[in-house]
Amino acid sequence: MSTYDWKKSSYSGDSSNCLTIATTDSGLLLRESDNPGTVLTLTATQLRTLIRMLKGEIR
């Protein structure tokens, strides 16, 4: 089993309800801190598109 260096935004403070991110050789991993067993694997381009969609910049 791989171990990743999970990071969270400094805006999250001490909250345990946040999104964490880790990097791998093949892309990025995202998970919600209260459900760490579910991991989304994305490339940098896919993450950029997801963020733009969440911000309402694209559909």
N, C-alpha and C. Protein backbone atom coordinates (compact mmCIF):
# COMPACT_ATOMS: atom_id res chain seq x y z
N MET A 1 0.84 -1.19 0.00
CA MET A 1 0.00 0.00 0.00
C MET A 1 0.88 1.24 0.00
N SER A 2 0.57 2.19 -0.84
CA SER A 2 1.35 3.41 -0.95
C SER A 2 0.95 4.41 0.14
N THR A 3 1.94 5.17 0.56
CA THR A 3 1.70 6.25 1.51
C THR A 3 1.91 7.56 0.78
N TYR A 4 0.97 8.46 0.92
CA TYR A 4 1.03 9.74 0.24
C TYR A 4 1.16 10.86 1.26
N ASP A 5 1.73 11.96 0.84
CA ASP A 5 1.87 13.15 1.67
C ASP A 5 0.66 14.04 1.41
N TRP A 6 -0.42 13.80 2.15
CA TRP A 6 -1.67 14.52 1.96
C TRP A 6 -1.54 15.93 2.51
N LYS A 7 -2.02 16.91 1.75
CA LYS A 7 -2.00 18.33 2.15
C LYS A 7 -3.41 18.87 2.16
N LYS A 8 -3.65 19.85 3.03
CA LYS A 8 -4.94 20.53 3.02
C LYS A 8 -4.70 22.03 3.02
N SER A 9 -5.68 22.76 2.60
CA SER A 9 -5.59 24.20 2.50
C SER A 9 -5.40 24.82 3.89
N SER A 10 -4.62 25.87 3.93
CA SER A 10 -4.45 26.59 5.20
C SER A 10 -5.76 27.26 5.62
N TYR A 11 -6.69 27.44 4.68
CA TYR A 11 -8.00 28.01 5.01
C TYR A 11 -8.85 27.06 5.83
N SER A 12 -8.50 25.78 5.83
CA SER A 12 -9.27 24.78 6.58
C SER A 12 -9.03 24.88 8.08
N GLY A 13 -7.93 25.46 8.48
CA GLY A 13 -7.61 25.57 9.90
C GLY A 13 -7.53 24.20 10.54
N ASP A 14 -8.14 24.05 11.71
CA ASP A 14 -8.12 22.78 12.43
C ASP A 14 -9.32 21.90 12.08
N SER A 15 -10.13 22.35 11.14
CA SER A 15 -11.32 21.61 10.76
C SER A 15 -10.97 20.24 10.19
N SER A 16 -11.74 19.24 10.54
CA SER A 16 -11.52 17.90 9.99
C SER A 16 -12.42 17.67 8.77
N ASN A 17 -13.21 18.67 8.40
CA ASN A 17 -14.11 18.57 7.26
C ASN A 17 -13.52 19.37 6.10
N CYS A 18 -12.57 18.74 5.39
CA CYS A 18 -11.90 19.46 4.31
C CYS A 18 -11.46 18.49 3.21
N LEU A 19 -11.05 19.06 2.12
CA LEU A 19 -10.54 18.31 0.98
C LEU A 19 -9.02 18.28 1.09
N THR A 20 -8.43 17.10 0.90
CA THR A 20 -6.98 16.99 0.94
C THR A 20 -6.48 16.53 -0.43
N ILE A 21 -5.23 16.87 -0.74
CA ILE A 21 -4.65 16.57 -2.04
C ILE A 21 -3.25 15.99 -1.86
N ALA A 22 -2.91 15.06 -2.73
CA ALA A 22 -1.56 14.48 -2.75
C ALA A 22 -1.14 14.36 -4.20
N THR A 23 0.16 14.34 -4.43
CA THR A 23 0.67 14.19 -5.79
C THR A 23 1.29 12.81 -5.97
N THR A 24 1.20 12.31 -7.18
CA THR A 24 1.84 11.04 -7.55
C THR A 24 2.59 11.27 -8.86
N ASP A 25 3.32 10.28 -9.30
CA ASP A 25 4.01 10.38 -10.58
C ASP A 25 3.04 10.53 -11.75
N SER A 26 1.84 9.99 -11.59
CA SER A 26 0.87 10.00 -12.69
C SER A 26 -0.21 11.06 -12.56
N GLY A 27 -0.22 11.83 -11.48
CA GLY A 27 -1.25 12.85 -11.35
C GLY A 27 -1.48 13.29 -9.92
N LEU A 28 -2.72 13.64 -9.63
CA LEU A 28 -3.12 14.17 -8.34
C LEU A 28 -4.20 13.30 -7.73
N LEU A 29 -4.21 13.23 -6.41
CA LEU A 29 -5.22 12.48 -5.67
C LEU A 29 -6.00 13.45 -4.79
N LEU A 30 -7.31 13.33 -4.78
CA LEU A 30 -8.18 14.14 -3.94
C LEU A 30 -9.00 13.23 -3.05
N ARG A 31 -9.21 13.66 -1.82
CA ARG A 31 -10.10 12.92 -0.92
C ARG A 31 -10.70 13.87 0.09
N GLU A 32 -11.85 13.50 0.60
CA GLU A 32 -12.49 14.28 1.66
C GLU A 32 -12.02 13.72 2.99
N SER A 33 -11.66 14.58 3.90
CA SER A 33 -11.05 14.13 5.14
C SER A 33 -11.95 13.22 5.98
N ASP A 34 -13.26 13.40 5.91
CA ASP A 34 -14.13 12.54 6.71
C ASP A 34 -14.49 11.24 5.98
N ASN A 35 -13.99 11.05 4.76
CA ASN A 35 -14.16 9.80 4.03
C ASN A 35 -12.87 9.49 3.26
N PRO A 36 -11.76 9.24 3.98
CA PRO A 36 -10.45 9.12 3.34
C PRO A 36 -10.28 7.87 2.47
N GLY A 37 -11.19 6.95 2.54
CA GLY A 37 -11.09 5.74 1.73
C GLY A 37 -11.51 5.93 0.29
N THR A 38 -12.23 7.01 0.01
CA THR A 38 -12.65 7.32 -1.36
C THR A 38 -11.69 8.36 -1.92
N VAL A 39 -10.97 7.97 -2.97
CA VAL A 39 -9.95 8.84 -3.56
C VAL A 39 -10.23 9.05 -5.04
N LEU A 40 -10.18 10.29 -5.48
CA LEU A 40 -10.36 10.66 -6.87
C LEU A 40 -8.99 10.93 -7.47
N THR A 41 -8.67 10.28 -8.59
CA THR A 41 -7.39 10.46 -9.26
C THR A 41 -7.58 11.33 -10.49
N LEU A 42 -6.80 12.40 -10.59
CA LEU A 42 -6.93 13.36 -11.67
C LEU A 42 -5.57 13.77 -12.22
N THR A 43 -5.57 14.19 -13.48
CA THR A 43 -4.39 14.86 -14.02
C THR A 43 -4.51 16.33 -13.64
N ALA A 44 -3.45 17.09 -13.83
CA ALA A 44 -3.51 18.52 -13.53
C ALA A 44 -4.57 19.22 -14.39
N THR A 45 -4.66 18.83 -15.64
CA THR A 45 -5.67 19.42 -16.54
C THR A 45 -7.08 19.10 -16.06
N GLN A 46 -7.32 17.88 -15.63
CA GLN A 46 -8.64 17.50 -15.13
C GLN A 46 -8.98 18.28 -13.86
N LEU A 47 -8.02 18.46 -12.97
CA LEU A 47 -8.26 19.23 -11.75
C LEU A 47 -8.58 20.68 -12.09
N ARG A 48 -7.84 21.26 -13.00
CA ARG A 48 -8.09 22.63 -13.43
C ARG A 48 -9.51 22.77 -13.99
N THR A 49 -9.93 21.80 -14.80
CA THR A 49 -11.28 21.82 -15.37
C THR A 49 -12.33 21.68 -14.27
N LEU A 50 -12.11 20.78 -13.32
CA LEU A 50 -13.04 20.60 -12.20
C LEU A 50 -13.20 21.90 -11.42
N ILE A 51 -12.11 22.55 -11.12
CA ILE A 51 -12.17 23.81 -10.37
C ILE A 51 -12.93 24.87 -11.15
N ARG A 52 -12.65 24.99 -12.43
CA ARG A 52 -13.36 25.96 -13.27
C ARG A 52 -14.86 25.65 -13.32
N MET A 53 -15.21 24.37 -13.37
CA MET A 53 -16.63 24.00 -13.39
C MET A 53 -17.29 24.35 -12.07
N LEU A 54 -16.61 24.08 -10.95
CA LEU A 54 -17.18 24.40 -9.64
C LEU A 54 -17.34 25.89 -9.44
N LYS A 55 -16.48 26.67 -10.05
CA LYS A 55 -16.56 28.13 -9.97
C LYS A 55 -17.59 28.69 -10.94
N GLY A 56 -18.14 27.85 -11.80
CA GLY A 56 -19.16 28.28 -12.75
C GLY A 56 -18.58 28.94 -14.00
N GLU A 57 -17.29 28.79 -14.22
CA GLU A 57 -16.66 29.40 -15.37
C GLU A 57 -16.94 28.64 -16.66
N ILE A 58 -17.16 27.33 -16.55
CA ILE A 58 -17.49 26.50 -17.70
C ILE A 58 -18.58 25.52 -17.31
N ARG A 59 -19.22 24.94 -18.33
CA ARG A 59 -20.27 23.94 -18.08
C ARG A 59 -19.85 22.61 -18.60
